[in-house]
Structure formats: structure tokens, C-alpha cells
Amino acid sequence: MTVADALLLALGAVAVGSGALVVTTTHIVRAGLYLVVSLGAMAALYLVLGAELVAWVQVLVYVGAVVVLLLFAVMLTRAPIGPSTDLDRPAWPALIVGGGVGLGLAALLADAFRWTLFEFPQPGTTERMGGEIFGTWVLPFEVLSILLLSALVGAIVLSRPDIGAPKGGEA
């Protein structure tokens, strides 16, 4: 076992453990912080695998933006900071479903790849990646940005009761 293998196992255990804590904790703020640990461990896994760009995108987009957005949403909605009783649900159904799905996926992957070793392709360059992103994938990227913008506008309209309300108190 090499050092990279040991790091992958340790970081995988941290990611899975903190992911389990995300879904089992009753403190919503702690769940957000456990999510930071889980996503950070995933970024470290990418670094061990040699995918530095993907690791930094993981840190910038997920850890830096999504988790901060989640924590701001919790703070702005004045959600309870302490343990919440409505988050206390029996864990057995989730464990059975999660374990079944995990074992099913493991069996599917083991059957699909049959422990075959594959040759790695040549490492990509920034120039080649930029050409793919801004050449081949530019239209789906722009369609996705328009979809996200419309979802944001829709969320603003739904959250503001004064937008679209009849003038003068008419019902």
C-alpha cells in the first residue's frame, strides 16, 4: 500500500463520516459545517489524484459559495440554531435504504468493470480544456445560466408578497 492509497482511504473515511454527520445531526448549523468538512475532504481527494483544477473548483464553488449560501439562508430565515425536534426522525429506514443503494451500486460497479485495469489517457492541458469548455460546451453552459437566472427571478417573486399583488388592497 502506497502513501497515496493510505491518503485516499483516510480522506474517504473523513468524507463519508462527515457526510453521515450531515444527515444525522439535529443542529442545522453544525450540518452546514460538517458539509464543509465533507466537501473539503473531497477536494483533498482530488488533489491526491492529481486533479488540481477540479480540487480548487470544488473549494471555490462548493465550499466557498454553496455552503456560505446555505449558512446565510439559515441566518436570514431566522431558523432555530439549536437542536430541532422536527429534524429528529428514525434513522433505520434511511440506513436500510442507504445501505441497500450503496451495496447495489458496489455490486453494479464490480460487475460492470470486473476489476479490469484501464490505461489512463494523456493528461489534459489548460488550452485543451478551455477549447472544450468554450467551444463544444458553450451552448449548454449558456442555457444553464439562463435556467439558473430564471430560477433566481422566480424565487425572488415567490418570496416577495408585494410583487404581483393587486393595487389598492383589491382582492
Protein backbone atom coordinates (compact mmCIF):
# COMPACT_ATOMS: atom_id res chain seq x y z
CA MET A 1 0.00 0.00 0.00
CA THR A 2 1.45 3.34 -1.04
CA VAL A 3 1.16 6.69 0.70
CA ALA A 4 -1.40 7.81 -1.89
CA ASP A 5 -3.54 4.75 -1.13
CA ALA A 6 -3.41 5.47 2.60
CA LEU A 7 -4.33 9.11 1.99
CA LEU A 8 -7.23 8.09 -0.23
CA LEU A 9 -8.56 5.72 2.41
CA ALA A 10 -8.19 8.28 5.23
CA LEU A 11 -9.75 11.13 3.25
CA GLY A 12 -12.54 8.86 2.05
CA ALA A 13 -13.29 7.90 5.65
CA VAL A 14 -13.37 11.58 6.65
CA ALA A 15 -15.69 12.42 3.73
CA VAL A 16 -18.08 9.54 4.44
CA GLY A 17 -18.02 10.13 8.20
CA SER A 18 -18.73 13.84 7.94
CA GLY A 19 -21.37 13.14 5.28
CA ALA A 20 -23.09 10.79 7.71
CA LEU A 21 -22.92 13.51 10.37
CA VAL A 22 -24.54 15.98 7.93
CA VAL A 23 -27.65 13.86 7.66
CA THR A 24 -27.81 12.65 11.26
CA THR A 25 -27.27 15.83 13.26
CA THR A 26 -30.20 17.82 14.62
CA HIS A 27 -28.25 21.13 14.61
CA ILE A 28 -28.71 22.73 11.21
CA VAL A 29 -25.66 24.99 11.52
CA ARG A 30 -23.49 22.04 12.50
CA ALA A 31 -24.84 20.17 9.49
CA GLY A 32 -23.58 23.01 7.30
CA LEU A 33 -20.17 22.87 8.94
CA TYR A 34 -19.99 19.09 8.58
CA LEU A 35 -20.81 19.65 4.90
CA VAL A 36 -17.77 21.95 4.68
CA VAL A 37 -15.59 19.16 6.11
CA SER A 38 -17.04 16.60 3.71
CA LEU A 39 -16.57 18.81 0.64
CA GLY A 40 -13.08 19.77 1.80
CA ALA A 41 -12.15 16.09 2.10
CA MET A 42 -13.44 15.58 -1.43
CA ALA A 43 -11.23 18.43 -2.65
CA ALA A 44 -8.26 16.83 -0.89
CA LEU A 45 -9.10 13.54 -2.62
CA TYR A 46 -8.94 15.33 -5.96
CA LEU A 47 -5.54 16.76 -5.00
CA VAL A 48 -4.22 13.29 -4.15
CA LEU A 49 -5.48 12.03 -7.51
CA GLY A 50 -3.62 14.82 -9.30
CA ALA A 51 -6.65 16.84 -10.44
CA GLU A 52 -5.64 20.22 -9.02
CA LEU A 53 -8.09 22.25 -11.13
CA VAL A 54 -11.05 20.13 -10.07
CA ALA A 55 -9.94 20.38 -6.43
CA TRP A 56 -9.81 24.18 -6.50
CA VAL A 57 -13.11 24.40 -8.35
CA GLN A 58 -14.56 22.17 -5.62
CA VAL A 59 -13.23 24.52 -2.94
CA LEU A 60 -14.30 27.71 -4.70
CA VAL A 61 -17.73 26.65 -5.90
CA TYR A 62 -18.98 24.21 -3.31
CA VAL A 63 -17.17 25.12 -0.11
CA GLY A 64 -16.89 28.81 -0.87
CA ALA A 65 -20.26 29.52 -2.43
CA VAL A 66 -22.83 26.82 -1.77
CA VAL A 67 -22.10 26.33 1.91
CA VAL A 68 -21.88 30.08 2.55
CA LEU A 69 -25.21 30.47 0.75
CA LEU A 70 -26.68 27.71 2.92
CA LEU A 71 -25.45 29.33 6.13
CA PHE A 72 -26.71 32.76 5.06
CA ALA A 73 -30.11 31.26 4.24
CA VAL A 74 -30.25 29.74 7.70
CA MET A 75 -29.34 33.06 9.28
CA LEU A 76 -31.70 35.15 7.17
CA THR A 77 -34.71 32.91 7.71
CA ARG A 78 -34.15 33.00 11.47
CA ALA A 79 -34.16 29.24 11.68
CA PRO A 80 -33.53 27.82 15.15
CA ILE A 81 -29.82 27.48 15.84
CA GLY A 82 -30.04 24.76 18.49
CA PRO A 83 -31.25 21.21 18.13
CA SER A 84 -34.52 20.97 16.25
CA THR A 85 -37.08 18.35 17.20
CA ASP A 86 -38.64 18.30 13.74
CA LEU A 87 -35.31 17.03 12.39
CA ASP A 88 -35.42 14.06 14.77
CA ARG A 89 -36.65 11.16 12.69
CA PRO A 90 -35.99 7.44 12.99
CA ALA A 91 -32.71 6.55 11.33
CA TRP A 92 -33.50 2.91 10.49
CA PRO A 93 -35.41 3.50 7.24
CA ALA A 94 -32.67 5.79 5.96
CA LEU A 95 -29.95 3.32 6.95
CA ILE A 96 -31.73 0.45 5.22
CA VAL A 97 -32.32 2.43 2.02
CA GLY A 98 -28.82 3.97 2.02
CA GLY A 99 -27.14 0.65 2.72
CA GLY A 100 -29.18 -1.10 0.04
CA VAL A 101 -28.37 1.56 -2.53
CA GLY A 102 -24.66 1.50 -1.58
CA LEU A 103 -24.43 -2.28 -1.84
CA GLY A 104 -26.38 -2.25 -5.10
CA LEU A 105 -24.05 0.34 -6.62
CA ALA A 106 -20.97 -1.53 -5.41
CA ALA A 107 -22.25 -4.76 -6.95
CA LEU A 108 -23.13 -2.94 -10.18
CA LEU A 109 -19.67 -1.37 -10.48
CA ALA A 110 -17.89 -4.61 -9.60
CA ASP A 111 -19.91 -6.46 -12.23
CA ALA A 112 -19.54 -3.74 -14.87
CA PHE A 113 -15.78 -3.32 -14.61
CA ARG A 114 -14.84 -6.80 -13.39
CA TRP A 115 -11.71 -5.39 -11.75
CA THR A 116 -10.23 -4.52 -15.13
CA LEU A 117 -7.29 -2.14 -15.23
CA PHE A 118 -7.65 0.65 -17.76
CA GLU A 119 -4.97 2.81 -19.30
CA PHE A 120 -5.16 6.48 -18.40
CA PRO A 121 -5.47 8.98 -21.27
CA GLN A 122 -2.88 11.65 -21.82
CA PRO A 123 -3.15 14.43 -19.23
CA GLY A 124 -5.14 17.42 -20.41
CA THR A 125 -3.81 20.91 -20.78
CA THR A 126 -5.44 24.17 -19.88
CA GLU A 127 -5.59 25.10 -23.55
CA ARG A 128 -7.42 21.89 -24.44
CA MET A 129 -9.82 22.26 -21.52
CA GLY A 130 -10.56 25.88 -22.44
CA GLY A 131 -11.20 24.83 -26.02
CA GLU A 132 -13.68 22.19 -24.87
CA ILE A 133 -15.48 24.47 -22.41
CA PHE A 134 -15.75 27.50 -24.70
CA GLY A 135 -16.11 25.55 -27.93
CA THR A 136 -18.05 22.34 -27.52
CA TRP A 137 -19.87 23.10 -24.25
CA VAL A 138 -20.61 26.83 -24.60
CA LEU A 139 -24.27 26.41 -25.63
CA PRO A 140 -25.23 24.07 -22.74
CA PHE A 141 -23.36 26.40 -20.36
CA GLU A 142 -25.35 29.41 -21.54
CA VAL A 143 -28.66 27.52 -21.42
CA LEU A 144 -27.86 26.50 -17.86
CA SER A 145 -27.05 30.10 -16.91
CA ILE A 146 -30.41 31.28 -18.30
CA LEU A 147 -32.18 28.48 -16.40
CA LEU A 148 -30.45 29.46 -13.15
CA LEU A 149 -31.24 33.14 -13.72
CA SER A 150 -34.93 32.37 -14.28
CA ALA A 151 -34.98 30.22 -11.13
CA LEU A 152 -33.45 33.11 -9.17
CA VAL A 153 -36.02 35.58 -10.50
CA GLY A 154 -38.81 33.11 -9.72
CA ALA A 155 -37.52 32.66 -6.16
CA ILE A 156 -37.46 36.43 -5.66
CA VAL A 157 -41.01 36.78 -7.00
CA LEU A 158 -42.27 33.97 -4.77
CA SER A 159 -40.56 35.36 -1.67
CA ARG A 160 -41.93 38.90 -2.07
CA PRO A 161 -45.68 39.09 -1.48
CA ASP A 162 -45.81 42.71 -2.65
CA ILE A 163 -44.78 41.79 -6.22
CA GLY A 164 -47.81 40.99 -8.33
CA ALA A 165 -50.31 41.93 -5.62
CA PRO A 166 -53.33 43.98 -6.75
CA LYS A 167 -53.05 47.75 -6.14
CA GLY A 168 -55.18 49.44 -3.53
CA GLY A 169 -55.89 46.31 -1.47
CA GLU A 170 -58.26 44.79 -4.03
CA ALA A 171 -58.66 41.07 -3.83
